[in-house]
Amino acid sequence: MTSTRGSAGSRDLKVRVKKTAKLSHSSQLWLQRQLNDPYVKKAKEQGLRSRAAFKLEEMDDRYKFLKPGQRLVDLGCAPGGWCQIAAKRVGLEQGKGRIVGIDLLPVDPIPGVDLIQLDFMAEEAPALLTERLGGKADGVMSDMAANTTGHKKTDHLKIIALAEAALEFANDILAPGGFFLAKLFQGGDSAELLGQLKRDFSTVRNVKPAASRADSSELYVLATGYRRKAAEPAQD
């Protein structure tokens, strides 16, 4: 790797990755971006597991949806950056609140957080997470993104489908007044999803945190004030 100075008068050094046969061009660009990303550096300095932690931090600083004593579920929680931020804000260290993180991948332990290696779409997942929380959830968070294909329309459809699955899960476990936070992409066909959210929550916002990369089309949908009524039991 080599480093070069930025604009005139700047003392910041930009790291460049030397070309090598061992790395594809896209991998070289990704590594170079990581090495020069201030949020990646900041995350390492603060002991956070991902730069994504700052996205949650920024959104909560603005909208104050994380509160002491809450019960929260983090869908697709690996590597655990969102759980780390949420743990501080609900007060796990002070014995307040409860957080359950679920992911297909194993996640290294996080003090106070209950981690489950499981597909959140498994039939048993809603009941299991409600049991582990000790009751209904005050919030369901999802920073999940589907594997990309490179075809923009296909990728948008996949991320919307994932967010819709997360919302269906949230409908099973959210307490009245709870919140739902999920990743989307700008330009995706999200009208149906947003319609469901506006019906079931009092306030729905699209949020683009500063920690999202400038060249990324990602945004988040934050729905607060859950008000969906439970389905009426079928009459004989």
Protein backbone atom coordinates (compact mmCIF):
# COMPACT_ATOMS: atom_id res chain seq x y z
CA MET A 1 0.00 0.00 0.00
CA THR A 2 1.11 3.57 -0.63
CA SER A 3 -0.15 6.88 0.71
CA THR A 4 -0.58 10.28 -0.94
CA ARG A 5 -1.47 13.72 0.31
CA GLY A 6 -4.95 15.07 -0.29
CA SER A 7 -5.70 18.60 -1.50
CA ALA A 8 -3.13 21.36 -1.14
CA GLY A 9 -2.58 22.31 2.47
CA SER A 10 -4.16 19.13 3.80
CA ARG A 11 -2.14 16.88 6.04
CA ASP A 12 -4.52 13.92 5.68
CA LEU A 13 -2.94 10.94 4.00
CA LYS A 14 -4.94 8.79 1.63
CA VAL A 15 -4.09 5.10 1.52
CA ARG A 16 -3.90 3.50 -1.92
CA VAL A 17 -3.84 -0.25 -2.44
CA LYS A 18 -1.21 -1.57 -4.85
CA LYS A 19 -2.53 -3.72 -7.66
CA THR A 20 -1.95 -7.41 -7.15
CA ALA A 21 -3.01 -10.54 -8.94
CA LYS A 22 -4.35 -11.88 -5.65
CA LEU A 23 -7.13 -9.25 -5.51
CA SER A 24 -9.75 -8.47 -8.12
CA HIS A 25 -10.20 -4.85 -9.14
CA SER A 26 -13.46 -4.60 -7.17
CA SER A 27 -11.77 -6.08 -4.09
CA GLN A 28 -8.93 -3.57 -4.39
CA LEU A 29 -11.43 -0.70 -4.57
CA TRP A 30 -13.35 -2.06 -1.55
CA LEU A 31 -10.15 -2.42 0.51
CA GLN A 32 -8.99 1.07 -0.44
CA ARG A 33 -12.36 2.51 0.54
CA GLN A 34 -12.27 0.69 3.89
CA LEU A 35 -8.76 1.88 4.67
CA ASN A 36 -9.73 5.49 3.97
CA ASP A 37 -13.15 5.46 5.63
CA PRO A 38 -13.15 7.70 8.75
CA TYR A 39 -16.05 5.77 10.24
CA VAL A 40 -14.12 2.49 9.97
CA LYS A 41 -11.21 4.10 11.83
CA LYS A 42 -13.55 5.62 14.41
CA ALA A 43 -15.26 2.26 14.98
CA LYS A 44 -11.92 0.58 15.67
CA GLU A 45 -10.90 3.35 18.07
CA GLN A 46 -14.15 3.01 20.03
CA GLY A 47 -14.22 -0.79 20.06
CA LEU A 48 -17.31 -0.97 17.87
CA ARG A 49 -17.72 -3.95 15.57
CA SER A 50 -18.85 -2.08 12.46
CA ARG A 51 -19.13 1.39 10.98
CA ALA A 52 -22.88 0.73 10.82
CA ALA A 53 -23.01 1.39 14.56
CA PHE A 54 -22.73 5.10 13.83
CA LYS A 55 -25.79 4.97 11.57
CA LEU A 56 -27.96 3.77 14.45
CA GLU A 57 -26.32 6.24 16.81
CA GLU A 58 -27.02 9.17 14.48
CA MET A 59 -30.62 8.16 13.82
CA ASP A 60 -31.34 7.79 17.53
CA ASP A 61 -29.63 11.10 18.35
CA ARG A 62 -32.10 12.73 15.98
CA TYR A 63 -35.34 10.84 16.69
CA LYS A 64 -34.85 9.43 20.22
CA PHE A 65 -36.49 6.04 19.65
CA LEU A 66 -34.10 4.09 21.91
CA LYS A 67 -35.04 4.48 25.57
CA PRO A 68 -33.87 3.04 28.91
CA GLY A 69 -35.51 -0.23 29.83
CA GLN A 70 -36.73 -1.19 26.35
CA ARG A 71 -37.00 -4.72 25.01
CA LEU A 72 -35.44 -4.82 21.53
CA VAL A 73 -34.86 -7.31 18.73
CA ASP A 74 -32.01 -6.86 16.23
CA LEU A 75 -32.63 -8.91 13.08
CA GLY A 76 -29.52 -9.94 11.16
CA CYS A 77 -27.42 -8.59 13.99
CA ALA A 78 -23.95 -9.78 12.89
CA PRO A 79 -21.32 -8.57 13.60
CA GLY A 80 -23.06 -6.77 16.46
CA GLY A 81 -22.48 -3.03 16.01
CA TRP A 82 -26.14 -2.10 16.38
CA CYS A 83 -26.47 -4.29 19.48
CA GLN A 84 -23.51 -2.47 21.05
CA ILE A 85 -25.10 0.96 20.58
CA ALA A 86 -28.56 -0.22 21.65
CA ALA A 87 -27.12 -1.89 24.76
CA LYS A 88 -25.74 1.44 25.98
CA ARG A 89 -28.93 3.34 25.26
CA VAL A 90 -31.38 0.96 26.92
CA GLY A 91 -29.07 0.59 29.92
CA LEU A 92 -28.11 -3.08 29.88
CA GLU A 93 -25.07 -2.42 32.08
CA GLN A 94 -27.42 -0.94 34.70
CA GLY A 95 -29.68 -3.98 34.52
CA LYS A 96 -32.31 -2.21 32.44
CA GLY A 97 -33.97 -3.51 29.29
CA ARG A 98 -33.41 -6.58 27.21
CA ILE A 99 -31.90 -7.10 23.74
CA VAL A 100 -32.08 -10.24 21.63
CA GLY A 101 -30.01 -10.41 18.46
CA ILE A 102 -30.67 -13.04 15.80
CA ASP A 103 -28.59 -13.97 12.77
CA LEU A 104 -27.82 -16.89 10.48
CA LEU A 105 -24.14 -16.38 11.36
CA PRO A 106 -22.53 -16.88 14.77
CA VAL A 107 -21.89 -13.61 16.63
CA ASP A 108 -19.20 -13.13 19.27
CA PRO A 109 -20.71 -12.50 22.73
CA ILE A 110 -21.82 -8.97 23.63
CA PRO A 111 -22.23 -8.27 27.36
CA GLY A 112 -25.89 -8.42 28.33
CA VAL A 113 -27.17 -9.23 24.83
CA ASP A 114 -28.94 -12.54 24.17
CA LEU A 115 -27.68 -13.83 20.80
CA ILE A 116 -29.42 -16.55 18.79
CA GLN A 117 -28.09 -18.24 15.65
CA LEU A 118 -31.30 -18.81 13.71
CA ASP A 119 -33.22 -17.68 10.63
CA PHE A 120 -35.68 -15.03 11.83
CA MET A 121 -38.17 -16.37 9.26
CA ALA A 122 -38.20 -19.79 10.93
CA GLU A 123 -41.67 -20.70 12.19
CA GLU A 124 -40.54 -20.88 15.79
CA ALA A 125 -38.64 -17.57 15.79
CA PRO A 126 -41.38 -15.10 16.92
CA ALA A 127 -42.42 -17.20 19.93
CA LEU A 128 -38.80 -17.92 20.85
CA LEU A 129 -37.74 -14.28 20.75
CA THR A 130 -40.80 -13.15 22.69
CA GLU A 131 -39.94 -15.73 25.35
CA ARG A 132 -36.31 -14.62 25.50
CA LEU A 133 -37.38 -10.97 25.75
CA GLY A 134 -39.80 -11.76 28.54
CA GLY A 135 -42.69 -10.15 26.68
CA LYS A 136 -43.54 -8.15 23.59
CA ALA A 137 -40.81 -6.05 21.94
CA ASP A 138 -40.64 -2.26 22.14
CA GLY A 139 -38.65 -2.16 18.92
CA VAL A 140 -37.54 -4.30 16.00
CA MET A 141 -34.42 -3.21 14.12
CA SER A 142 -33.01 -4.56 10.87
CA ASP A 143 -29.83 -3.52 9.10
CA MET A 144 -30.06 -6.58 6.85
CA ALA A 145 -29.24 -6.36 3.15
CA ALA A 146 -29.79 -9.16 0.66
CA ASN A 147 -26.83 -10.42 -1.35
CA THR A 148 -26.53 -8.23 -4.43
CA THR A 149 -26.61 -9.48 -8.02
CA GLY A 150 -25.39 -6.31 -9.73
CA HIS A 151 -28.77 -5.89 -11.41
CA LYS A 152 -30.25 -2.78 -9.78
CA LYS A 153 -33.93 -3.65 -10.19
CA THR A 154 -33.43 -7.20 -8.90
CA ASP A 155 -31.42 -5.97 -5.93
CA HIS A 156 -34.09 -3.41 -5.02
CA LEU A 157 -36.78 -6.09 -5.14
CA LYS A 158 -34.68 -8.33 -2.87
CA ILE A 159 -34.12 -5.64 -0.24
CA ILE A 160 -37.83 -4.72 -0.26
CA ALA A 161 -38.78 -8.39 0.16
CA LEU A 162 -36.38 -8.65 3.11
CA ALA A 163 -37.84 -5.53 4.73
CA GLU A 164 -41.37 -6.87 4.21
CA ALA A 165 -40.37 -10.13 5.90
CA ALA A 166 -38.91 -8.14 8.80
CA LEU A 167 -42.15 -6.17 9.11
CA GLU A 168 -44.21 -9.37 9.11
CA PHE A 169 -42.00 -10.63 11.93
CA ALA A 170 -42.39 -7.33 13.79
CA ASN A 171 -46.17 -7.60 13.57
CA ASP A 172 -45.93 -10.84 15.52
CA ILE A 173 -43.92 -9.49 18.43
CA LEU A 174 -44.25 -5.67 18.70
CA ALA A 175 -45.99 -4.10 21.68
CA PRO A 176 -48.35 -1.14 21.17
CA GLY A 177 -46.34 2.06 20.72
CA GLY A 178 -43.26 0.16 19.51
CA PHE A 179 -40.98 1.10 16.62
CA PHE A 180 -39.71 -0.58 13.46
CA LEU A 181 -36.43 0.36 11.74
CA ALA A 182 -35.24 -1.28 8.51
CA LYS A 183 -32.85 -0.70 5.64
CA LEU A 184 -34.16 0.12 2.16
CA PHE A 185 -32.62 1.47 -1.04
CA GLN A 186 -33.58 4.67 -2.81
CA GLY A 187 -35.47 4.00 -6.04
CA GLY A 188 -36.86 0.67 -4.87
CA ASP A 189 -40.52 -0.21 -5.32
CA SER A 190 -41.40 0.41 -1.67
CA ALA A 191 -44.91 1.88 -2.08
CA GLU A 192 -46.70 -1.22 -0.75
CA LEU A 193 -44.35 -1.52 2.23
CA LEU A 194 -44.70 2.17 3.09
CA GLY A 195 -48.48 1.83 2.80
CA GLN A 196 -48.47 -0.96 5.37
CA LEU A 197 -46.26 1.06 7.70
CA LYS A 198 -48.46 4.17 7.46
CA ARG A 199 -51.48 2.03 8.28
CA ASP A 200 -49.89 0.31 11.29
CA PHE A 201 -47.72 3.11 12.78
CA SER A 202 -48.51 6.70 13.72
CA THR A 203 -45.35 8.17 12.12
CA VAL A 204 -43.20 6.93 9.22
CA ARG A 205 -39.94 8.59 8.17
CA ASN A 206 -37.26 7.95 5.56
CA VAL A 207 -33.84 8.59 7.08
CA LYS A 208 -30.39 8.89 5.46
CA PRO A 209 -27.77 9.03 8.23
CA ALA A 210 -24.52 10.86 7.55
CA ALA A 211 -22.59 7.65 8.26
CA SER A 212 -24.11 6.08 5.13
CA ARG A 213 -21.58 6.34 2.33
CA ALA A 214 -22.24 9.23 -0.02
CA ASP A 215 -22.21 6.94 -3.07
CA SER A 216 -24.66 4.47 -1.48
CA SER A 217 -28.37 4.48 -2.30
CA GLU A 218 -29.26 3.02 1.08
CA LEU A 219 -31.72 4.71 3.38
CA TYR A 220 -33.71 3.61 6.39
CA VAL A 221 -37.40 3.62 7.15
CA LEU A 222 -38.25 4.45 10.76
CA ALA A 223 -41.82 3.78 11.86
CA THR A 224 -42.87 4.74 15.39
CA GLY A 225 -46.07 4.42 17.40
CA TYR A 226 -47.15 0.89 16.53
CA ARG A 227 -50.94 0.71 16.55
CA ARG A 228 -51.95 -2.39 14.61
CA LYS A 229 -54.77 -4.29 16.27
CA ALA A 230 -54.46 -8.02 16.80
CA ALA A 231 -56.47 -10.11 14.38
CA GLU A 232 -59.91 -11.07 15.68
CA PRO A 233 -60.31 -14.80 16.36
CA ALA A 234 -62.33 -16.65 13.75
CA GLN A 235 -65.97 -17.21 14.66
CA ASP A 236 -67.51 -20.67 14.36
